[in-house]
Amino acid sequence: MKIPKLFLNDTFTDWLHALFFQGECIGVETLQVYWYYASQLTIPIGAQYALLVVEASPTIPDKSKVLRFWEDGSLPTATSGIPMGELGVYEVKGKENMQRFRIIGIEAFYGHSVQIQYFG
């Protein structure tokens, strides 16, 4: 069921709609994440919310903690940042948070995928 948007200022309305109803899916991305640099999201125009799911490398022995991230623009490292493991789910709400989001792998020589759906 599609929830109708309120008639207020467009940016504020889009933000409220995404916050409370998660809006409509307006894009998807598979982000490859490695240990040697922090990756960023490729945000579609109009996105206000992102849903992320981690898929760890099938060859990594311990899948419980494979990535780290920050939402404030800081660069995560192997030892700093919020950890995520295999099939971890995370929501990034708000355009500014999506723009500042950085994520990195924590073990050398392993790459992981993050499946992302964007909502507006």
C-alpha atoms as a PDB file:
ATOM      1  CA  MET A   1       0.000   0.000   0.000  1.00  0.00           C
ATOM      2  CA  LYS A   2       1.401   3.383  -0.974  1.00  0.00           C
ATOM      3  CA  ILE A   3       1.133   6.078   1.707  1.00  0.00           C
ATOM      4  CA  PRO A   4       0.332   9.546   0.276  1.00  0.00           C
ATOM      5  CA  LYS A   5       2.820  12.319   0.991  1.00  0.00           C
ATOM      6  CA  LEU A   6       1.913  15.381   3.026  1.00  0.00           C
ATOM      7  CA  PHE A   7       1.725  18.783   1.328  1.00  0.00           C
ATOM      8  CA  LEU A   8       4.449  20.763   3.083  1.00  0.00           C
ATOM      9  CA  ASN A   9       7.868  21.957   1.948  1.00  0.00           C
ATOM     10  CA  ASP A  10       9.191  19.236  -0.440  1.00  0.00           C
ATOM     11  CA  THR A  11      12.454  18.444   1.380  1.00  0.00           C
ATOM     12  CA  PHE A  12      10.780  18.274   4.780  1.00  0.00           C
ATOM     13  CA  THR A  13       7.921  16.184   3.359  1.00  0.00           C
ATOM     14  CA  ASP A  14      10.334  13.760   1.681  1.00  0.00           C
ATOM     15  CA  TRP A  15      12.319  13.421   4.891  1.00  0.00           C
ATOM     16  CA  LEU A  16       9.195  12.754   7.003  1.00  0.00           C
ATOM     17  CA  HIS A  17       7.890  10.286   4.450  1.00  0.00           C
ATOM     18  CA  ALA A  18      11.183   8.368   4.391  1.00  0.00           C
ATOM     19  CA  LEU A  19      11.513   8.481   8.177  1.00  0.00           C
ATOM     20  CA  PHE A  20       8.034   7.148   8.946  1.00  0.00           C
ATOM     21  CA  PHE A  21       7.078   5.164   5.866  1.00  0.00           C
ATOM     22  CA  GLN A  22      10.465   4.420   4.271  1.00  0.00           C
ATOM     23  CA  GLY A  23       9.098   5.783   0.980  1.00  0.00           C
ATOM     24  CA  GLU A  24       9.414   3.942  -2.280  1.00  0.00           C
ATOM     25  CA  CYS A  25      12.515   2.080  -3.372  1.00  0.00           C
ATOM     26  CA  ILE A  26      14.259   4.387  -5.848  1.00  0.00           C
ATOM     27  CA  GLY A  27      17.536   2.546  -6.370  1.00  0.00           C
ATOM     28  CA  VAL A  28      19.811  -0.326  -5.459  1.00  0.00           C
ATOM     29  CA  GLU A  29      23.558  -0.778  -5.212  1.00  0.00           C
ATOM     30  CA  THR A  30      26.044  -3.551  -4.581  1.00  0.00           C
ATOM     31  CA  LEU A  31      28.993  -1.921  -2.843  1.00  0.00           C
ATOM     32  CA  GLN A  32      32.281  -3.833  -2.841  1.00  0.00           C
ATOM     33  CA  VAL A  33      34.198  -3.151   0.369  1.00  0.00           C
ATOM     34  CA  TYR A  34      37.887  -3.882   0.910  1.00  0.00           C
ATOM     35  CA  TRP A  35      40.441  -3.421   3.692  1.00  0.00           C
ATOM     36  CA  TYR A  36      42.628  -0.844   1.928  1.00  0.00           C
ATOM     37  CA  TYR A  37      40.217   2.101   1.558  1.00  0.00           C
ATOM     38  CA  ALA A  38      36.955   3.374   2.995  1.00  0.00           C
ATOM     39  CA  SER A  39      34.026   3.137   0.569  1.00  0.00           C
ATOM     40  CA  GLN A  40      31.114   5.552   0.242  1.00  0.00           C
ATOM     41  CA  LEU A  41      27.521   5.178  -0.897  1.00  0.00           C
ATOM     42  CA  THR A  42      26.443   6.177  -4.408  1.00  0.00           C
ATOM     43  CA  ILE A  43      23.222   7.958  -3.453  1.00  0.00           C
ATOM     44  CA  PRO A  44      20.440   8.329  -6.031  1.00  0.00           C
ATOM     45  CA  ILE A  45      18.775  11.732  -6.374  1.00  0.00           C
ATOM     46  CA  GLY A  46      15.876  11.992  -3.932  1.00  0.00           C
ATOM     47  CA  ALA A  47      17.064   9.241  -1.569  1.00  0.00           C
ATOM     48  CA  GLN A  48      16.382   9.887   2.124  1.00  0.00           C
ATOM     49  CA  TYR A  49      17.032   6.427   3.582  1.00  0.00           C
ATOM     50  CA  ALA A  50      19.255   3.427   2.851  1.00  0.00           C
ATOM     51  CA  LEU A  51      18.915  -0.165   4.005  1.00  0.00           C
ATOM     52  CA  LEU A  52      22.225  -2.088   4.033  1.00  0.00           C
ATOM     53  CA  VAL A  53      22.849  -5.837   4.337  1.00  0.00           C
ATOM     54  CA  VAL A  54      26.383  -7.277   4.625  1.00  0.00           C
ATOM     55  CA  GLU A  55      27.490 -10.320   2.633  1.00  0.00           C
ATOM     56  CA  ALA A  56      30.881 -11.472   3.888  1.00  0.00           C
ATOM     57  CA  SER A  57      33.440 -13.080   1.619  1.00  0.00           C
ATOM     58  CA  PRO A  58      32.683 -16.814   1.451  1.00  0.00           C
ATOM     59  CA  THR A  59      36.356 -17.612   2.116  1.00  0.00           C
ATOM     60  CA  ILE A  60      36.824 -15.606   5.327  1.00  0.00           C
ATOM     61  CA  PRO A  61      37.054 -17.921   8.360  1.00  0.00           C
ATOM     62  CA  ASP A  62      35.270 -15.714  10.927  1.00  0.00           C
ATOM     63  CA  LYS A  63      32.228 -13.907   9.527  1.00  0.00           C
ATOM     64  CA  SER A  64      31.073 -12.413  12.831  1.00  0.00           C
ATOM     65  CA  LYS A  65      32.917  -9.100  12.335  1.00  0.00           C
ATOM     66  CA  VAL A  66      34.040  -8.204   8.795  1.00  0.00           C
ATOM     67  CA  LEU A  67      33.353  -4.468   8.310  1.00  0.00           C
ATOM     68  CA  ARG A  68      33.444  -1.227  10.299  1.00  0.00           C
ATOM     69  CA  PHE A  69      31.688   2.056   9.557  1.00  0.00           C
ATOM     70  CA  TRP A  70      31.066   5.620  10.723  1.00  0.00           C
ATOM     71  CA  GLU A  71      28.240   7.983   9.730  1.00  0.00           C
ATOM     72  CA  ASP A  72      29.936  11.255  10.683  1.00  0.00           C
ATOM     73  CA  GLY A  73      32.464  11.355   7.826  1.00  0.00           C
ATOM     74  CA  SER A  74      35.309   9.925   9.920  1.00  0.00           C
ATOM     75  CA  LEU A  75      37.370   7.199   8.293  1.00  0.00           C
ATOM     76  CA  PRO A  76      36.864   3.778   9.895  1.00  0.00           C
ATOM     77  CA  THR A  77      39.831   1.457  10.361  1.00  0.00           C
ATOM     78  CA  ALA A  78      40.331  -2.191  11.269  1.00  0.00           C
ATOM     79  CA  THR A  79      40.050  -1.182  14.933  1.00  0.00           C
ATOM     80  CA  SER A  80      37.732   1.867  14.968  1.00  0.00           C
ATOM     81  CA  GLY A  81      34.158   2.112  13.820  1.00  0.00           C
ATOM     82  CA  ILE A  82      30.932   0.261  14.420  1.00  0.00           C
ATOM     83  CA  PRO A  83      31.464  -3.422  13.514  1.00  0.00           C
ATOM     84  CA  MET A  84      29.181  -5.442  11.244  1.00  0.00           C
ATOM     85  CA  GLY A  85      29.198  -9.153  10.459  1.00  0.00           C
ATOM     86  CA  GLU A  86      27.665 -11.532   7.924  1.00  0.00           C
ATOM     87  CA  LEU A  87      24.019 -10.650   7.170  1.00  0.00           C
ATOM     88  CA  GLY A  88      24.195  -7.624   9.452  1.00  0.00           C
ATOM     89  CA  VAL A  89      21.456  -5.117   8.634  1.00  0.00           C
ATOM     90  CA  TYR A  90      21.816  -1.378   9.118  1.00  0.00           C
ATOM     91  CA  GLU A  91      19.680   1.652   8.272  1.00  0.00           C
ATOM     92  CA  VAL A  92      21.144   5.010   7.294  1.00  0.00           C
ATOM     93  CA  LYS A  93      18.524   7.731   7.677  1.00  0.00           C
ATOM     94  CA  GLY A  94      18.840  11.197   6.160  1.00  0.00           C
ATOM     95  CA  LYS A  95      20.733  12.511   3.166  1.00  0.00           C
ATOM     96  CA  GLU A  96      23.543  14.019   5.262  1.00  0.00           C
ATOM     97  CA  ASN A  97      24.188  10.727   7.065  1.00  0.00           C
ATOM     98  CA  MET A  98      24.242   8.861   3.741  1.00  0.00           C
ATOM     99  CA  GLN A  99      26.724  11.385   2.302  1.00  0.00           C
ATOM    100  CA  ARG A 100      29.046  11.074   5.331  1.00  0.00           C
ATOM    101  CA  PHE A 101      28.786   7.260   5.591  1.00  0.00           C
ATOM    102  CA  ARG A 102      32.167   5.467   5.287  1.00  0.00           C
ATOM    103  CA  ILE A 103      32.764   1.701   5.492  1.00  0.00           C
ATOM    104  CA  ILE A 104      35.880  -0.495   5.350  1.00  0.00           C
ATOM    105  CA  GLY A 105      36.845  -4.179   5.601  1.00  0.00           C
ATOM    106  CA  ILE A 106      38.839  -5.154   8.678  1.00  0.00           C
ATOM    107  CA  GLU A 107      40.973  -8.080   7.448  1.00  0.00           C
ATOM    108  CA  ALA A 108      43.599  -7.847   4.718  1.00  0.00           C
ATOM    109  CA  PHE A 109      43.004  -9.647   1.410  1.00  0.00           C
ATOM    110  CA  TYR A 110      39.249 -10.080   1.854  1.00  0.00           C
ATOM    111  CA  GLY A 111      36.543  -8.193  -0.018  1.00  0.00           C
ATOM    112  CA  HIS A 112      32.894  -8.126   0.994  1.00  0.00           C
ATOM    113  CA  SER A 113      29.633  -6.992  -0.565  1.00  0.00           C
ATOM    114  CA  VAL A 114      27.050  -4.668   0.903  1.00  0.00           C
ATOM    115  CA  GLN A 115      23.620  -4.896  -0.705  1.00  0.00           C
ATOM    116  CA  ILE A 116      21.832  -1.551  -0.514  1.00  0.00           C
ATOM    117  CA  GLN A 117      18.297  -0.357  -1.251  1.00  0.00           C
ATOM    118  CA  TYR A 118      17.597   3.374  -1.332  1.00  0.00           C
ATOM    119  CA  PHE A 119      14.225   4.868  -0.470  1.00  0.00           C
ATOM    120  CA  GLY A 120      12.821   8.331  -1.156  1.00  0.00           C
END
